[in-house]
N, C-alpha and C. Protein backbone atom coordinates (compact mmCIF):
# COMPACT_ATOMS: atom_id res chain seq x y z
N UNK A 1 -113.85 70.51 7.97
CA UNK A 1 -114.23 71.99 8.97
C UNK A 1 -115.91 71.98 7.85
N UNK A 2 -116.55 72.42 8.81
CA UNK A 2 -117.93 72.55 8.63
C UNK A 2 -117.72 73.89 7.60
N UNK A 3 -119.22 73.40 6.53
CA UNK A 3 -118.94 74.98 5.82
C UNK A 3 -119.70 76.05 6.16
N UNK A 4 -120.11 75.97 7.75
CA UNK A 4 -120.18 77.51 7.97
C UNK A 4 -119.77 77.66 9.10
N UNK A 5 -118.33 76.88 9.38
CA UNK A 5 -117.54 77.48 9.88
C UNK A 5 -116.23 78.64 8.76
N UNK A 6 -115.98 77.23 7.67
CA UNK A 6 -115.08 77.81 7.05
C UNK A 6 -115.63 79.63 6.48
N UNK A 7 -116.87 79.57 5.95
CA UNK A 7 -117.51 80.94 5.17
C UNK A 7 -117.44 81.76 6.95
N UNK A 8 -117.55 81.25 7.94
CA UNK A 8 -117.72 82.39 9.13
C UNK A 8 -116.24 83.24 9.04
N UNK A 9 -115.11 82.01 8.92
CA UNK A 9 -113.66 82.68 8.91
C UNK A 9 -113.42 83.46 7.82
N UNK A 10 -113.74 82.66 6.50
CA UNK A 10 -113.52 83.87 5.47
C UNK A 10 -113.99 85.10 5.43
N UNK A 11 -115.49 84.75 6.52
CA UNK A 11 -115.85 86.54 6.26
C UNK A 11 -115.32 87.20 6.97
N UNK A 12 -114.41 86.53 8.76
CA UNK A 12 -113.75 87.42 9.11
C UNK A 12 -112.77 87.44 8.22
N UNK A 13 -111.69 86.93 8.02
CA UNK A 13 -110.72 87.48 7.11
C UNK A 13 -110.90 89.05 5.97
N UNK A 14 -112.27 89.11 5.32
CA UNK A 14 -112.59 89.68 4.72
C UNK A 14 -113.09 90.98 5.02
N UNK A 15 -113.82 90.93 6.55
CA UNK A 15 -114.20 92.54 7.17
C UNK A 15 -112.43 92.79 7.51
N UNK A 16 -111.78 91.86 8.07
CA UNK A 16 -110.53 92.95 7.92
C UNK A 16 -109.83 92.91 7.27
N UNK A 17 -109.92 92.95 5.84
CA UNK A 17 -109.52 93.36 4.70
C UNK A 17 -109.52 94.83 4.72
N UNK A 18 -111.09 94.59 4.32
CA UNK A 18 -111.22 95.85 3.65
C UNK A 18 -111.05 96.77 5.51
N UNK A 19 -111.81 96.49 6.42
CA UNK A 19 -111.18 97.24 7.15
C UNK A 19 -109.59 97.99 6.99
N UNK A 20 -108.99 97.09 7.27
CA UNK A 20 -107.29 97.62 6.60
C UNK A 20 -107.14 98.60 5.55
N UNK A 21 -107.71 97.88 4.24
CA UNK A 21 -107.85 99.00 3.33
C UNK A 21 -108.44 100.48 3.43
N UNK A 22 -109.67 100.71 4.39
CA UNK A 22 -110.10 101.86 4.63
C UNK A 22 -108.82 102.29 5.71
N UNK A 23 -108.24 101.98 6.56
CA UNK A 23 -107.55 102.47 7.67
C UNK A 23 -106.64 103.31 6.94
N UNK A 24 -106.01 102.05 5.68
CA UNK A 24 -104.53 103.00 5.18
C UNK A 24 -105.03 104.16 3.66
N UNK A 25 -106.54 103.56 3.41
CA UNK A 25 -107.12 104.74 2.62
C UNK A 25 -107.08 106.10 3.18
N UNK A 26 -107.54 106.17 4.34
CA UNK A 26 -107.87 106.75 5.09
C UNK A 26 -106.58 107.59 6.28
N UNK A 27 -106.04 106.87 6.36
CA UNK A 27 -104.41 107.12 7.43
C UNK A 27 -104.90 106.43 9.25
N UNK A 28 -105.80 106.38 9.19
CA UNK A 28 -106.27 105.43 10.43
C UNK A 28 -105.76 104.97 10.52
N UNK A 29 -104.20 104.44 11.47
CA UNK A 29 -103.72 103.47 11.82
C UNK A 29 -104.15 102.68 12.32
N UNK A 30 -105.35 102.99 13.41
CA UNK A 30 -105.89 102.35 14.28
C UNK A 30 -107.01 100.82 13.87
N UNK A 31 -107.73 101.30 12.50
CA UNK A 31 -108.56 100.77 12.30
C UNK A 31 -107.77 100.10 11.19
N UNK A 32 -106.89 100.60 10.81
CA UNK A 32 -106.04 99.75 9.52
C UNK A 32 -105.35 98.33 10.91
N UNK A 33 -105.04 98.17 11.73
CA UNK A 33 -104.35 97.93 12.78
C UNK A 33 -105.03 96.78 13.09
N UNK A 34 -106.74 97.08 13.54
CA UNK A 34 -108.30 96.15 13.17
C UNK A 34 -108.25 95.06 12.91
N UNK A 35 -108.21 95.61 11.44
CA UNK A 35 -108.27 94.86 9.99
C UNK A 35 -107.15 94.01 9.81
N UNK A 36 -105.89 94.50 10.13
CA UNK A 36 -104.60 93.35 10.48
C UNK A 36 -105.21 91.91 11.40
N UNK A 37 -105.64 92.46 12.97
CA UNK A 37 -106.27 91.99 13.58
C UNK A 37 -107.31 90.48 13.46
N UNK A 38 -108.33 91.43 12.69
CA UNK A 38 -109.03 90.13 11.98
C UNK A 38 -109.19 89.13 11.20
N UNK A 39 -107.84 89.33 10.51
CA UNK A 39 -107.67 88.72 9.37
C UNK A 39 -106.52 87.50 9.54
N UNK A 40 -105.87 88.23 10.95
CA UNK A 40 -105.10 87.10 11.60
C UNK A 40 -106.23 85.96 12.10
N UNK A 41 -106.82 86.29 13.12
CA UNK A 41 -108.09 85.68 14.17
C UNK A 41 -108.68 84.69 12.81
N UNK A 42 -108.85 85.50 12.23
CA UNK A 42 -109.70 84.34 11.04
C UNK A 42 -108.90 83.16 10.06
N UNK A 43 -107.77 83.62 9.91
CA UNK A 43 -107.02 82.32 9.52
C UNK A 43 -106.34 81.67 10.96
N UNK A 44 -105.93 82.39 12.01
CA UNK A 44 -105.96 81.27 13.08
C UNK A 44 -106.86 80.36 13.23
N UNK A 45 -108.48 80.85 12.94
CA UNK A 45 -109.10 79.79 13.67
C UNK A 45 -109.58 78.60 12.59
N UNK A 46 -109.05 79.12 11.31
CA UNK A 46 -109.24 78.09 9.95
C UNK A 46 -108.35 77.52 10.24
N UNK A 47 -106.63 77.72 10.18
CA UNK A 47 -105.73 77.16 11.26
C UNK A 47 -106.62 75.47 11.56
N UNK A 48 -106.63 75.86 12.39
CA UNK A 48 -107.33 75.62 13.74
C UNK A 48 -108.44 74.40 13.68
N UNK A 49 -109.31 74.46 12.00
CA UNK A 49 -110.11 73.44 12.02
C UNK A 49 -109.70 72.74 10.79
N UNK A 50 -108.74 73.20 10.48
CA UNK A 50 -107.34 72.35 9.50
C UNK A 50 -107.07 71.10 9.92
N UNK A 51 -106.60 71.75 11.29
CA UNK A 51 -105.90 70.54 12.42
C UNK A 51 -107.10 69.59 13.13
N UNK A 52 -108.20 69.85 13.41
CA UNK A 52 -108.48 69.32 13.94
C UNK A 52 -109.41 68.29 13.02
N UNK A 53 -109.34 68.49 11.30
CA UNK A 53 -110.18 67.87 10.10
C UNK A 53 -108.96 66.75 10.14
N UNK A 54 -107.58 67.45 10.30
CA UNK A 54 -106.49 65.79 9.86
C UNK A 54 -107.00 64.82 11.38
N UNK A 55 -106.81 65.33 12.40
CA UNK A 55 -107.32 64.70 13.65
C UNK A 55 -108.07 63.75 12.84
N UNK A 56 -108.88 64.13 12.73
CA UNK A 56 -110.10 63.32 12.61
C UNK A 56 -110.27 62.39 11.39
N UNK A 57 -109.04 62.84 10.53
CA UNK A 57 -108.89 62.00 9.44
C UNK A 57 -108.32 60.33 9.53
N UNK A 58 -107.38 61.29 10.97
CA UNK A 58 -105.62 60.08 11.13
C UNK A 58 -106.65 58.79 12.20
N UNK A 59 -107.93 59.36 12.65
CA UNK A 59 -108.57 58.96 13.73
C UNK A 59 -110.08 58.06 12.66
N UNK A 60 -110.28 58.49 11.96
CA UNK A 60 -110.64 57.00 11.16
C UNK A 60 -109.82 56.32 9.77
N UNK A 61 -108.79 57.07 10.01
CA UNK A 61 -107.94 55.60 9.25
C UNK A 61 -107.86 54.85 9.79
N UNK A 62 -107.40 55.03 11.56
CA UNK A 62 -106.96 53.87 11.70
C UNK A 62 -108.23 53.17 12.58
N UNK A 63 -109.85 53.47 12.39
CA UNK A 63 -110.54 52.89 12.67
C UNK A 63 -111.12 51.48 11.81
N UNK A 64 -110.55 51.79 10.43
CA UNK A 64 -111.02 50.90 9.37
C UNK A 64 -110.37 50.18 9.24
N UNK A 65 -108.75 49.79 10.01
CA UNK A 65 -108.23 49.19 10.14
C UNK A 65 -109.09 47.73 10.98
């Protein structure tokens, strides 16, 4: 996973966590839900990057033989 992608995905998760916290503190259910969605989106992107990295590692392992 590229460092740029990793930072971007973590930032999206952090933004979501802040939104959710503010939404919960103010009773704004819509903002809280947006925050949860942002956190999930960032997590899914990170998972996708990890799958790509794993596939590349497998591909590289077969090249070495």
